[in-house]
Amino acid sequence: MSNKVLANDGISQTGVDKLKAAGYEVITTNVAQDQLQDYINKNEINVLLVRSATTVRQELIDNCPSLKIIGRGGVGMDNIDVEYARQKGLKVINTPAASSASVAELVFAHLYGGVRFLHDSNRIMPLEGDSNFKGLKKAYAKGVELRGKTIGIIGLGRIGQEVAIIAAGVGMNVIAHDSFVEKAPTVSWKLFDGQEIKVEIPLVEKSYLLKNSDFVTLHVPDQKGYVLGKKEFEMMKKGAAVVNAARGGVLDEVALVDALDNEHLSFAALDVFEKEPAPEVILMMNSKLSLTPHIGAATNEAQDRIGTELADQIIAIMG
């Protein structure tokens, strides 16, 4: 009898194909949270794969004896009781490397959009482009280049390092802070012609980073308390900008809006929010905010890599 995999929040076709080729039955039906336990037991599911929509708590783990593996397509596993599952003998897997490049590219999409006012221009041009072209041209005339500016990266894991690579390639001055990293890491990447570039990322104290960065980007895990709040925003340069594509709740959104409204910060970009999936209206309405609906990992390439990585891990564990 083949092992059964329920990919409740979906999985890429590459992942499905790899699992099927190894003899697994893959079910991609989306089962409602309150019906999940019954479905798993009725169908004797061995592997449950989720993204961020489905939660896997103690009760589900206790009441579904057929489960052997819980997999998260992505990095953070806040929606799974990981330690409890492992204590019960289940394997819990995720795909920390698969979406790093996608998130890093989104950070730069927001940065380029911010320094050239694209987030605002794209709202206003359809309304006033034909009647107030010269006025808008003047309003958006004070753009700045990223080249030569300092980017401060808080959290130097895989995504933070990918951000560093792009920043170095753009010609930015890169500094970083990470409470868990003691030695300055070296990042490397290949150019289109095969040459390899290696750059050491300087590690600095958080206060130094805040005071000296033109742009600050967060790449930290979910944690208690804010990494950036009122005190931190006040330490930053006047006219600096902030990007959060990490987790909602690591940045104080009320303090951020205040810092934008009093013109201490020039703009900010948010891909994640404290109150997902219903972010505060005050954020939606602010013209100095560049906003996306938690799409950091949402590229075809990242989803392909996630599916393939999950499949490889499942096959390795189950044999």
C-alpha atoms as a PDB file:
ATOM      1  CA  MET A   1       0.000   0.000   0.000  1.00  0.00           C
ATOM      2  CA  SER A   2       1.428   3.395  -0.998  1.00  0.00           C
ATOM      3  CA  ASN A   3       2.058   6.155   1.514  1.00  0.00           C
ATOM      4  CA  LYS A   4      -0.465   8.993   1.323  1.00  0.00           C
ATOM      5  CA  VAL A   5       0.494  12.670   1.250  1.00  0.00           C
ATOM      6  CA  LEU A   6      -2.085  15.405   1.845  1.00  0.00           C
ATOM      7  CA  ALA A   7      -0.801  18.763   0.558  1.00  0.00           C
ATOM      8  CA  ASN A   8      -3.556  20.763   2.200  1.00  0.00           C
ATOM      9  CA  ASP A   9      -2.365  24.216   1.123  1.00  0.00           C
ATOM     10  CA  GLY A  10      -1.160  23.029  -2.275  1.00  0.00           C
ATOM     11  CA  ILE A  11       2.208  21.915  -3.643  1.00  0.00           C
ATOM     12  CA  SER A  12       3.976  22.563  -6.942  1.00  0.00           C
ATOM     13  CA  GLN A  13       3.566  20.121  -9.806  1.00  0.00           C
ATOM     14  CA  THR A  14       7.304  19.372  -9.617  1.00  0.00           C
ATOM     15  CA  GLY A  15       6.801  18.177  -6.030  1.00  0.00           C
ATOM     16  CA  VAL A  16       3.744  16.103  -6.965  1.00  0.00           C
ATOM     17  CA  ASP A  17       5.596  14.474  -9.884  1.00  0.00           C
ATOM     18  CA  LYS A  18       8.615  13.592  -7.744  1.00  0.00           C
ATOM     19  CA  LEU A  19       6.479  12.014  -5.013  1.00  0.00           C
ATOM     20  CA  LYS A  20       4.325  10.073  -7.488  1.00  0.00           C
ATOM     21  CA  ALA A  21       7.433   8.772  -9.253  1.00  0.00           C
ATOM     22  CA  ALA A  22       8.599   7.426  -5.873  1.00  0.00           C
ATOM     23  CA  GLY A  23       5.299   5.603  -5.382  1.00  0.00           C
ATOM     24  CA  TYR A  24       3.416   8.060  -3.164  1.00  0.00           C
ATOM     25  CA  GLU A  25      -0.257   8.945  -3.485  1.00  0.00           C
ATOM     26  CA  VAL A  26      -0.564  12.746  -3.438  1.00  0.00           C
ATOM     27  CA  ILE A  27      -3.853  14.432  -2.516  1.00  0.00           C
ATOM     28  CA  THR A  28      -4.148  18.175  -3.125  1.00  0.00           C
ATOM     29  CA  THR A  29      -7.711  18.605  -1.871  1.00  0.00           C
ATOM     30  CA  ASN A  30      -8.009  21.606   0.449  1.00  0.00           C
ATOM     31  CA  VAL A  31      -9.691  20.327   3.602  1.00  0.00           C
ATOM     32  CA  ALA A  32     -11.239  22.858   6.007  1.00  0.00           C
ATOM     33  CA  GLN A  33      -9.418  23.129   9.333  1.00  0.00           C
ATOM     34  CA  ASP A  34     -12.353  21.786  11.362  1.00  0.00           C
ATOM     35  CA  GLN A  35     -12.678  18.731   9.097  1.00  0.00           C
ATOM     36  CA  LEU A  36      -8.968  17.960   8.852  1.00  0.00           C
ATOM     37  CA  GLN A  37      -8.752  15.444  11.687  1.00  0.00           C
ATOM     38  CA  ASP A  38     -11.592  13.307  10.303  1.00  0.00           C
ATOM     39  CA  TYR A  39     -10.193  13.464   6.772  1.00  0.00           C
ATOM     40  CA  ILE A  40      -6.684  12.401   7.860  1.00  0.00           C
ATOM     41  CA  ASN A  41      -8.041   9.450   9.866  1.00  0.00           C
ATOM     42  CA  LYS A  42     -10.590   8.332   7.264  1.00  0.00           C
ATOM     43  CA  ASN A  43      -7.977   8.365   4.485  1.00  0.00           C
ATOM     44  CA  GLU A  44      -5.046   7.176   6.646  1.00  0.00           C
ATOM     45  CA  ILE A  45      -2.823  10.110   5.652  1.00  0.00           C
ATOM     46  CA  ASN A  46       0.862   9.597   6.494  1.00  0.00           C
ATOM     47  CA  VAL A  47       2.273  12.978   5.472  1.00  0.00           C
ATOM     48  CA  LEU A  48       0.553  16.343   6.019  1.00  0.00           C
ATOM     49  CA  LEU A  49       1.997  19.275   4.086  1.00  0.00           C
ATOM     50  CA  VAL A  50       0.916  22.842   4.916  1.00  0.00           C
ATOM     51  CA  ARG A  51       1.915  26.400   4.149  1.00  0.00           C
ATOM     52  CA  SER A  52       0.615  29.225   6.337  1.00  0.00           C
ATOM     53  CA  ALA A  53      -3.162  28.662   6.079  1.00  0.00           C
ATOM     54  CA  THR A  54      -3.456  25.315   7.900  1.00  0.00           C
ATOM     55  CA  THR A  55      -2.513  24.932  11.575  1.00  0.00           C
ATOM     56  CA  VAL A  56      -1.230  21.697  13.142  1.00  0.00           C
ATOM     57  CA  ARG A  57      -1.756  21.816  16.903  1.00  0.00           C
ATOM     58  CA  GLN A  58      -1.464  19.245  19.712  1.00  0.00           C
ATOM     59  CA  GLU A  59      -5.037  17.992  19.393  1.00  0.00           C
ATOM     60  CA  LEU A  60      -4.595  17.119  15.715  1.00  0.00           C
ATOM     61  CA  ILE A  61      -1.236  15.462  16.416  1.00  0.00           C
ATOM     62  CA  ASP A  62      -2.739  13.408  19.288  1.00  0.00           C
ATOM     63  CA  ASN A  63      -5.804  12.303  17.338  1.00  0.00           C
ATOM     64  CA  CYS A  64      -4.203  11.342  14.003  1.00  0.00           C
ATOM     65  CA  PRO A  65      -2.130   8.187  14.624  1.00  0.00           C
ATOM     66  CA  SER A  66      -1.444   7.563  10.922  1.00  0.00           C
ATOM     67  CA  LEU A  67       0.648  10.765  10.603  1.00  0.00           C
ATOM     68  CA  LYS A  68       4.403  10.263  10.367  1.00  0.00           C
ATOM     69  CA  ILE A  69       5.580  13.554   8.838  1.00  0.00           C
ATOM     70  CA  ILE A  70       4.385  17.156   9.024  1.00  0.00           C
ATOM     71  CA  GLY A  71       5.918  19.441   6.412  1.00  0.00           C
ATOM     72  CA  ARG A  72       5.821  23.212   6.065  1.00  0.00           C
ATOM     73  CA  GLY A  73       6.350  24.656   2.591  1.00  0.00           C
ATOM     74  CA  GLY A  74       8.399  27.679   3.641  1.00  0.00           C
ATOM     75  CA  VAL A  75      10.529  28.842   6.545  1.00  0.00           C
ATOM     76  CA  GLY A  76       8.553  29.807   9.661  1.00  0.00           C
ATOM     77  CA  MET A  77       6.706  27.032  11.500  1.00  0.00           C
ATOM     78  CA  ASP A  78       4.612  29.173  13.892  1.00  0.00           C
ATOM     79  CA  ASN A  79       1.470  27.325  12.708  1.00  0.00           C
ATOM     80  CA  ILE A  80       2.807  23.912  13.820  1.00  0.00           C
ATOM     81  CA  ASP A  81       3.421  22.663  17.385  1.00  0.00           C
ATOM     82  CA  VAL A  82       6.870  21.498  16.312  1.00  0.00           C
ATOM     83  CA  GLU A  83       8.395  20.348  19.610  1.00  0.00           C
ATOM     84  CA  TYR A  84       5.230  18.530  20.645  1.00  0.00           C
ATOM     85  CA  ALA A  85       5.066  16.705  17.309  1.00  0.00           C
ATOM     86  CA  ARG A  86       8.711  15.647  17.600  1.00  0.00           C
ATOM     87  CA  GLN A  87       8.173  14.421  21.167  1.00  0.00           C
ATOM     88  CA  LYS A  88       5.378  12.241  19.778  1.00  0.00           C
ATOM     89  CA  GLY A  89       7.801  10.710  17.284  1.00  0.00           C
ATOM     90  CA  LEU A  90       6.729  12.639  14.192  1.00  0.00           C
ATOM     91  CA  LYS A  91       9.228  14.165  11.787  1.00  0.00           C
ATOM     92  CA  VAL A  92       8.695  17.878  11.158  1.00  0.00           C
ATOM     93  CA  ILE A  93      10.316  19.360   8.050  1.00  0.00           C
ATOM     94  CA  ASN A  94      10.428  22.716   6.291  1.00  0.00           C
ATOM     95  CA  THR A  95      12.195  24.371   3.353  1.00  0.00           C
ATOM     96  CA  PRO A  96      14.301  27.218   4.728  1.00  0.00           C
ATOM     97  CA  ALA A  97      16.442  27.771   1.622  1.00  0.00           C
ATOM     98  CA  ALA A  98      13.830  27.542  -1.131  1.00  0.00           C
ATOM     99  CA  SER A  99      12.342  31.044  -1.020  1.00  0.00           C
ATOM    100  CA  SER A 100      15.368  33.145   0.009  1.00  0.00           C
ATOM    101  CA  ALA A 101      16.020  34.638  -3.423  1.00  0.00           C
ATOM    102  CA  SER A 102      12.332  35.449  -3.959  1.00  0.00           C
ATOM    103  CA  VAL A 103      12.020  37.336  -0.667  1.00  0.00           C
ATOM    104  CA  ALA A 104      15.271  39.220  -1.303  1.00  0.00           C
ATOM    105  CA  GLU A 105      14.105  40.288  -4.762  1.00  0.00           C
ATOM    106  CA  LEU A 106      10.808  41.545  -3.302  1.00  0.00           C
ATOM    107  CA  VAL A 107      12.777  43.654  -0.792  1.00  0.00           C
ATOM    108  CA  PHE A 108      14.531  45.342  -3.706  1.00  0.00           C
ATOM    109  CA  ALA A 109      11.297  45.724  -5.668  1.00  0.00           C
ATOM    110  CA  HIS A 110      10.015  47.709  -2.679  1.00  0.00           C
ATOM    111  CA  LEU A 111      13.262  49.662  -2.302  1.00  0.00           C
ATOM    112  CA  TYR A 112      13.410  50.707  -5.934  1.00  0.00           C
ATOM    113  CA  GLY A 113       9.697  51.492  -5.869  1.00  0.00           C
ATOM    114  CA  GLY A 114      10.151  53.599  -2.745  1.00  0.00           C
ATOM    115  CA  VAL A 115      13.130  55.689  -3.821  1.00  0.00           C
ATOM    116  CA  ARG A 116      11.392  56.494  -7.123  1.00  0.00           C
ATOM    117  CA  PHE A 117       7.875  56.904  -5.641  1.00  0.00           C
ATOM    118  CA  LEU A 118       6.437  54.101  -7.800  1.00  0.00           C
ATOM    119  CA  HIS A 119       4.088  52.924  -5.038  1.00  0.00           C
ATOM    120  CA  ASP A 120       2.442  56.363  -4.975  1.00  0.00           C
ATOM    121  CA  SER A 121       2.829  57.233  -8.651  1.00  0.00           C
ATOM    122  CA  ASN A 122       1.041  54.041  -9.665  1.00  0.00           C
ATOM    123  CA  ARG A 123      -1.954  55.096  -7.550  1.00  0.00           C
ATOM    124  CA  ILE A 124      -2.079  58.715  -8.695  1.00  0.00           C
ATOM    125  CA  MET A 125      -1.151  58.557 -12.403  1.00  0.00           C
ATOM    126  CA  PRO A 126      -4.416  56.822 -13.436  1.00  0.00           C
ATOM    127  CA  LEU A 127      -6.344  59.601 -11.645  1.00  0.00           C
ATOM    128  CA  GLU A 128      -4.308  62.693 -12.568  1.00  0.00           C
ATOM    129  CA  GLY A 129      -1.820  61.651 -15.256  1.00  0.00           C
ATOM    130  CA  ASP A 130      -3.670  63.372 -18.093  1.00  0.00           C
ATOM    131  CA  SER A 131      -4.734  66.501 -16.174  1.00  0.00           C
ATOM    132  CA  ASN A 132      -1.732  67.124 -13.891  1.00  0.00           C
ATOM    133  CA  PHE A 133       1.254  65.587 -15.688  1.00  0.00           C
ATOM    134  CA  LYS A 134       3.653  68.455 -14.948  1.00  0.00           C
ATOM    135  CA  GLY A 135       2.535  68.647 -11.322  1.00  0.00           C
ATOM    136  CA  LEU A 136       3.167  64.950 -10.805  1.00  0.00           C
ATOM    137  CA  LYS A 137       6.502  65.160 -12.635  1.00  0.00           C
ATOM    138  CA  LYS A 138       7.531  67.811 -10.107  1.00  0.00           C
ATOM    139  CA  ALA A 139       6.124  65.847  -7.149  1.00  0.00           C
ATOM    140  CA  TYR A 140       8.186  62.778  -8.011  1.00  0.00           C
ATOM    141  CA  ALA A 141      11.307  64.640  -9.133  1.00  0.00           C
ATOM    142  CA  LYS A 142      13.450  64.088  -6.024  1.00  0.00           C
ATOM    143  CA  GLY A 143      14.221  60.396  -6.455  1.00  0.00           C
ATOM    144  CA  VAL A 144      17.474  58.933  -5.124  1.00  0.00           C
ATOM    145  CA  GLU A 145      19.759  56.133  -6.275  1.00  0.00           C
ATOM    146  CA  LEU A 146      20.393  53.034  -4.183  1.00  0.00           C
ATOM    147  CA  ARG A 147      23.984  52.880  -5.382  1.00  0.00           C
ATOM    148  CA  GLY A 148      26.360  54.296  -2.796  1.00  0.00           C
ATOM    149  CA  LYS A 149      23.773  54.224   0.003  1.00  0.00           C
ATOM    150  CA  THR A 150      24.060  52.104   3.156  1.00  0.00           C
ATOM    151  CA  ILE A 151      21.691  49.199   3.742  1.00  0.00           C
ATOM    152  CA  GLY A 152      21.442  47.746   7.254  1.00  0.00           C
ATOM    153  CA  ILE A 153      20.307  44.134   7.383  1.00  0.00           C
ATOM    154  CA  ILE A 154      18.914  42.930  10.721  1.00  0.00           C
ATOM    155  CA  GLY A 155      19.025  39.132  10.725  1.00  0.00           C
ATOM    156  CA  LEU A 156      21.689  37.503   8.578  1.00  0.00           C
ATOM    157  CA  GLY A 157      20.222  34.089   7.846  1.00  0.00           C
ATOM    158  CA  ARG A 158      19.691  32.794   4.331  1.00  0.00           C
ATOM    159  CA  ILE A 159      17.326  35.595   3.279  1.00  0.00           C
ATOM    160  CA  GLY A 160      19.444  38.321   4.881  1.00  0.00           C
ATOM    161  CA  GLN A 161      22.474  36.986   3.009  1.00  0.00           C
ATOM    162  CA  GLU A 162      20.555  36.983  -0.300  1.00  0.00           C
ATOM    163  CA  VAL A 163      19.636  40.636   0.356  1.00  0.00           C
ATOM    164  CA  ALA A 164      23.330  41.344   1.005  1.00  0.00           C
ATOM    165  CA  ILE A 165      24.271  39.751  -2.326  1.00  0.00           C
ATOM    166  CA  ILE A 166      21.838  41.909  -4.311  1.00  0.00           C
ATOM    167  CA  ALA A 167      22.829  45.028  -2.351  1.00  0.00           C
ATOM    168  CA  ALA A 168      26.530  44.422  -3.013  1.00  0.00           C
ATOM    169  CA  GLY A 169      25.781  43.888  -6.694  1.00  0.00           C
ATOM    170  CA  VAL A 170      23.853  47.159  -6.835  1.00  0.00           C
ATOM    171  CA  GLY A 171      26.848  48.983  -5.320  1.00  0.00           C
ATOM    172  CA  MET A 172      25.421  49.613  -1.867  1.00  0.00           C
ATOM    173  CA  ASN A 173      27.408  49.743   1.354  1.00  0.00           C
ATOM    174  CA  VAL A 174      26.246  46.688   3.337  1.00  0.00           C
ATOM    175  CA  ILE A 175      26.258  46.355   7.134  1.00  0.00           C
ATOM    176  CA  ALA A 176      24.437  43.784   9.238  1.00  0.00           C
ATOM    177  CA  HIS A 177      23.406  42.895  12.768  1.00  0.00           C
ATOM    178  CA  ASP A 178      22.517  39.430  14.039  1.00  0.00           C
ATOM    179  CA  SER A 179      22.291  38.490  17.725  1.00  0.00           C
ATOM    180  CA  PHE A 180      23.135  34.854  16.945  1.00  0.00           C
ATOM    181  CA  VAL A 181      26.073  35.317  14.568  1.00  0.00           C
ATOM    182  CA  GLU A 182      29.512  36.085  16.019  1.00  0.00           C
ATOM    183  CA  LYS A 183      31.752  35.989  12.959  1.00  0.00           C
ATOM    184  CA  ALA A 184      31.224  38.142   9.876  1.00  0.00           C
ATOM    185  CA  PRO A 185      29.970  35.751   7.176  1.00  0.00           C
ATOM    186  CA  THR A 186      31.254  35.662   3.611  1.00  0.00           C
ATOM    187  CA  VAL A 187      28.639  35.533   0.887  1.00  0.00           C
ATOM    188  CA  SER A 188      29.441  34.434  -2.641  1.00  0.00           C
ATOM    189  CA  TRP A 189      27.606  34.366  -5.944  1.00  0.00           C
ATOM    190  CA  LYS A 190      28.323  33.613  -9.568  1.00  0.00           C
ATOM    191  CA  LEU A 191      28.086  36.165 -12.357  1.00  0.00           C
ATOM    192  CA  PHE A 192      26.519  35.318 -15.713  1.00  0.00           C
ATOM    193  CA  ASP A 193      29.971  34.567 -17.170  1.00  0.00           C
ATOM    194  CA  GLY A 194      30.913  32.100 -14.434  1.00  0.00           C
ATOM    195  CA  GLN A 195      33.091  34.412 -12.336  1.00  0.00           C
ATOM    196  CA  GLU A 196      32.551  34.067  -8.596  1.00  0.00           C
ATOM    197  CA  ILE A 197      32.369  37.078  -6.281  1.00  0.00           C
ATOM    198  CA  LYS A 198      33.031  36.803  -2.543  1.00  0.00           C
ATOM    199  CA  VAL A 199      32.179  39.538  -0.059  1.00  0.00           C
ATOM    200  CA  GLU A 200      32.482  39.594   3.736  1.00  0.00           C
ATOM    201  CA  ILE A 201      29.483  41.246   5.395  1.00  0.00           C
ATOM    202  CA  PRO A 202      30.543  43.471   8.318  1.00  0.00           C
ATOM    203  CA  LEU A 203      28.688  42.771  11.567  1.00  0.00           C
ATOM    204  CA  VAL A 204      27.883  45.821  13.700  1.00  0.00           C
ATOM    205  CA  GLU A 205      25.915  46.651  16.836  1.00  0.00           C
ATOM    206  CA  LYS A 206      22.211  47.293  16.313  1.00  0.00           C
ATOM    207  CA  SER A 207      22.480  50.918  17.464  1.00  0.00           C
ATOM    208  CA  TYR A 208      25.321  51.589  14.985  1.00  0.00           C
ATOM    209  CA  LEU A 209      23.296  50.010  12.177  1.00  0.00           C
ATOM    210  CA  LEU A 210      20.224  52.124  12.948  1.00  0.00           C
ATOM    211  CA  LYS A 211      22.190  55.374  13.143  1.00  0.00           C
ATOM    212  CA  ASN A 212      24.188  54.785   9.942  1.00  0.00           C
ATOM    213  CA  SER A 213      21.812  53.075   7.512  1.00  0.00           C
ATOM    214  CA  ASP A 214      19.847  54.791   4.758  1.00  0.00           C
ATOM    215  CA  PHE A 215      17.663  51.688   4.505  1.00  0.00           C
ATOM    216  CA  VAL A 216      16.942  49.064   7.180  1.00  0.00           C
ATOM    217  CA  THR A 217      15.509  45.665   6.275  1.00  0.00           C
ATOM    218  CA  LEU A 218      14.310  43.024   8.743  1.00  0.00           C
ATOM    219  CA  HIS A 219      14.973  39.291   8.306  1.00  0.00           C
ATOM    220  CA  VAL A 220      14.356  37.878  11.766  1.00  0.00           C
ATOM    221  CA  PRO A 221      12.159  35.045  13.077  1.00  0.00           C
ATOM    222  CA  ASP A 222       8.949  35.535  15.034  1.00  0.00           C
ATOM    223  CA  GLN A 223       9.764  36.701  18.577  1.00  0.00           C
ATOM    224  CA  LYS A 224       8.420  38.403  21.684  1.00  0.00           C
ATOM    225  CA  GLY A 225       8.525  42.189  21.475  1.00  0.00           C
ATOM    226  CA  TYR A 226       9.382  44.507  18.625  1.00  0.00           C
ATOM    227  CA  VAL A 227      12.781  44.544  16.920  1.00  0.00           C
ATOM    228  CA  LEU A 228      11.927  48.013  15.600  1.00  0.00           C
ATOM    229  CA  GLY A 229       9.758  50.322  17.700  1.00  0.00           C
ATOM    230  CA  LYS A 230       9.509  54.011  18.604  1.00  0.00           C
ATOM    231  CA  LYS A 231      12.988  54.138  20.182  1.00  0.00           C
ATOM    232  CA  GLU A 232      14.640  52.448  17.201  1.00  0.00           C
ATOM    233  CA  PHE A 233      12.883  54.640  14.625  1.00  0.00           C
ATOM    234  CA  GLU A 234      14.054  57.741  16.503  1.00  0.00           C
ATOM    235  CA  MET A 235      17.649  56.463  16.329  1.00  0.00           C
ATOM    236  CA  MET A 236      17.496  56.184  12.553  1.00  0.00           C
ATOM    237  CA  LYS A 237      18.697  58.867  10.155  1.00  0.00           C
ATOM    238  CA  LYS A 238      16.146  61.473   9.133  1.00  0.00           C
ATOM    239  CA  GLY A 239      14.893  60.449   5.698  1.00  0.00           C
ATOM    240  CA  ALA A 240      15.797  56.769   6.094  1.00  0.00           C
ATOM    241  CA  ALA A 241      13.435  53.961   5.106  1.00  0.00           C
ATOM    242  CA  VAL A 242      12.386  50.558   6.495  1.00  0.00           C
ATOM    243  CA  VAL A 243      11.362  47.263   4.874  1.00  0.00           C
ATOM    244  CA  ASN A 244       9.683  44.369   6.700  1.00  0.00           C
ATOM    245  CA  ALA A 245       9.285  41.188   4.666  1.00  0.00           C
ATOM    246  CA  ALA A 246       9.999  38.930   7.654  1.00  0.00           C
ATOM    247  CA  ARG A 247       7.095  38.513  10.099  1.00  0.00           C
ATOM    248  CA  GLY A 248       4.202  40.638  11.250  1.00  0.00           C
ATOM    249  CA  GLY A 249       4.769  41.652  14.867  1.00  0.00           C
ATOM    250  CA  VAL A 250       8.519  42.281  14.711  1.00  0.00           C
ATOM    251  CA  LEU A 251       7.890  45.934  13.856  1.00  0.00           C
ATOM    252  CA  ASP A 252       5.629  48.387  15.726  1.00  0.00           C
ATOM    253  CA  GLU A 253       3.196  49.537  13.027  1.00  0.00           C
ATOM    254  CA  VAL A 254       1.759  52.409  15.096  1.00  0.00           C
ATOM    255  CA  ALA A 255       5.237  53.820  15.781  1.00  0.00           C
ATOM    256  CA  LEU A 256       6.108  53.353  12.102  1.00  0.00           C
ATOM    257  CA  VAL A 257       3.115  55.401  10.933  1.00  0.00           C
ATOM    258  CA  ASP A 258       4.069  58.135  13.443  1.00  0.00           C
ATOM    259  CA  ALA A 259       7.643  58.190  12.106  1.00  0.00           C
ATOM    260  CA  LEU A 260       6.305  58.515   8.541  1.00  0.00           C
ATOM    261  CA  ASP A 261       3.735  61.176   9.445  1.00  0.00           C
ATOM    262  CA  ASN A 262       6.273  63.365  11.261  1.00  0.00           C
ATOM    263  CA  GLU A 263       8.609  62.924   8.255  1.00  0.00           C
ATOM    264  CA  HIS A 264      11.422  61.324  10.218  1.00  0.00           C
ATOM    265  CA  LEU A 265      11.285  58.361   7.827  1.00  0.00           C
ATOM    266  CA  SER A 266      10.813  58.928   4.083  1.00  0.00           C
ATOM    267  CA  PHE A 267       8.948  55.700   3.288  1.00  0.00           C
ATOM    268  CA  ALA A 268       8.452  52.129   4.467  1.00  0.00           C
ATOM    269  CA  ALA A 269       7.519  48.847   2.844  1.00  0.00           C
ATOM    270  CA  LEU A 270       5.513  46.032   4.421  1.00  0.00           C
ATOM    271  CA  ASP A 271       4.878  42.556   3.055  1.00  0.00           C
ATOM    272  CA  VAL A 272       3.772  41.221   6.460  1.00  0.00           C
ATOM    273  CA  PHE A 273       1.415  42.634   9.064  1.00  0.00           C
ATOM    274  CA  GLU A 274       0.532  42.284  12.728  1.00  0.00           C
ATOM    275  CA  LYS A 275      -3.114  41.621  11.872  1.00  0.00           C
ATOM    276  CA  GLU A 276      -3.093  39.314   8.876  1.00  0.00           C
ATOM    277  CA  PRO A 277      -5.256  38.762   6.927  1.00  0.00           C
ATOM    278  CA  ALA A 278      -6.941  42.065   7.863  1.00  0.00           C
ATOM    279  CA  PRO A 279      -4.207  44.710   8.256  1.00  0.00           C
ATOM    280  CA  GLU A 280      -5.010  48.006   9.945  1.00  0.00           C
ATOM    281  CA  VAL A 281      -6.788  50.492   7.646  1.00  0.00           C
ATOM    282  CA  ILE A 282      -4.348  53.219   8.746  1.00  0.00           C
ATOM    283  CA  LEU A 283      -1.609  51.269   6.913  1.00  0.00           C
ATOM    284  CA  MET A 284      -3.677  50.770   3.758  1.00  0.00           C
ATOM    285  CA  MET A 285      -4.333  54.505   3.471  1.00  0.00           C
ATOM    286  CA  ASN A 286      -0.809  55.822   4.043  1.00  0.00           C
ATOM    287  CA  SER A 287       0.776  57.149   0.845  1.00  0.00           C
ATOM    288  CA  LYS A 288       4.310  56.650   2.221  1.00  0.00           C
ATOM    289  CA  LEU A 289       3.822  52.912   2.592  1.00  0.00           C
ATOM    290  CA  SER A 290       4.599  50.422  -0.161  1.00  0.00           C
ATOM    291  CA  LEU A 291       2.432  47.372   0.494  1.00  0.00           C
ATOM    292  CA  THR A 292       2.196  43.758  -0.654  1.00  0.00           C
ATOM    293  CA  PRO A 293      -0.022  40.952   0.753  1.00  0.00           C
ATOM    294  CA  HIS A 294       2.630  38.563   2.176  1.00  0.00           C
ATOM    295  CA  ILE A 295       3.972  37.444  -1.213  1.00  0.00           C
ATOM    296  CA  GLY A 296       7.683  37.189  -0.368  1.00  0.00           C
ATOM    297  CA  ALA A 297       7.901  33.504  -1.292  1.00  0.00           C
ATOM    298  CA  ALA A 298       5.176  33.640  -3.931  1.00  0.00           C
ATOM    299  CA  THR A 299       7.154  33.081  -7.116  1.00  0.00           C
ATOM    300  CA  ASN A 300       6.879  30.123  -9.475  1.00  0.00           C
ATOM    301  CA  GLU A 301      10.558  29.345  -8.959  1.00  0.00           C
ATOM    302  CA  ALA A 302      10.351  29.362  -5.162  1.00  0.00           C
ATOM    303  CA  GLN A 303       7.224  27.200  -5.147  1.00  0.00           C
ATOM    304  CA  ASP A 304       8.943  24.713  -7.481  1.00  0.00           C
ATOM    305  CA  ARG A 305      11.949  24.563  -5.160  1.00  0.00           C
ATOM    306  CA  ILE A 306       9.689  24.189  -2.096  1.00  0.00           C
ATOM    307  CA  GLY A 307       7.807  21.271  -3.678  1.00  0.00           C
ATOM    308  CA  THR A 308      11.002  19.542  -4.778  1.00  0.00           C
ATOM    309  CA  GLU A 309      12.713  20.034  -1.393  1.00  0.00           C
ATOM    310  CA  LEU A 310       9.707  18.664   0.498  1.00  0.00           C
ATOM    311  CA  ALA A 311       9.526  15.662  -1.817  1.00  0.00           C
ATOM    312  CA  ASP A 312      13.235  14.927  -1.413  1.00  0.00           C
ATOM    313  CA  GLN A 313      12.974  15.091   2.388  1.00  0.00           C
ATOM    314  CA  ILE A 314       9.858  12.899   2.524  1.00  0.00           C
ATOM    315  CA  ILE A 315      11.444  10.252   0.283  1.00  0.00           C
ATOM    316  CA  ALA A 316      14.650  10.313   2.369  1.00  0.00           C
ATOM    317  CA  ILE A 317      12.728   9.870   5.644  1.00  0.00           C
ATOM    318  CA  MET A 318      10.180   7.289   4.501  1.00  0.00           C
ATOM    319  CA  GLY A 319      12.565   5.389   2.240  1.00  0.00           C
END
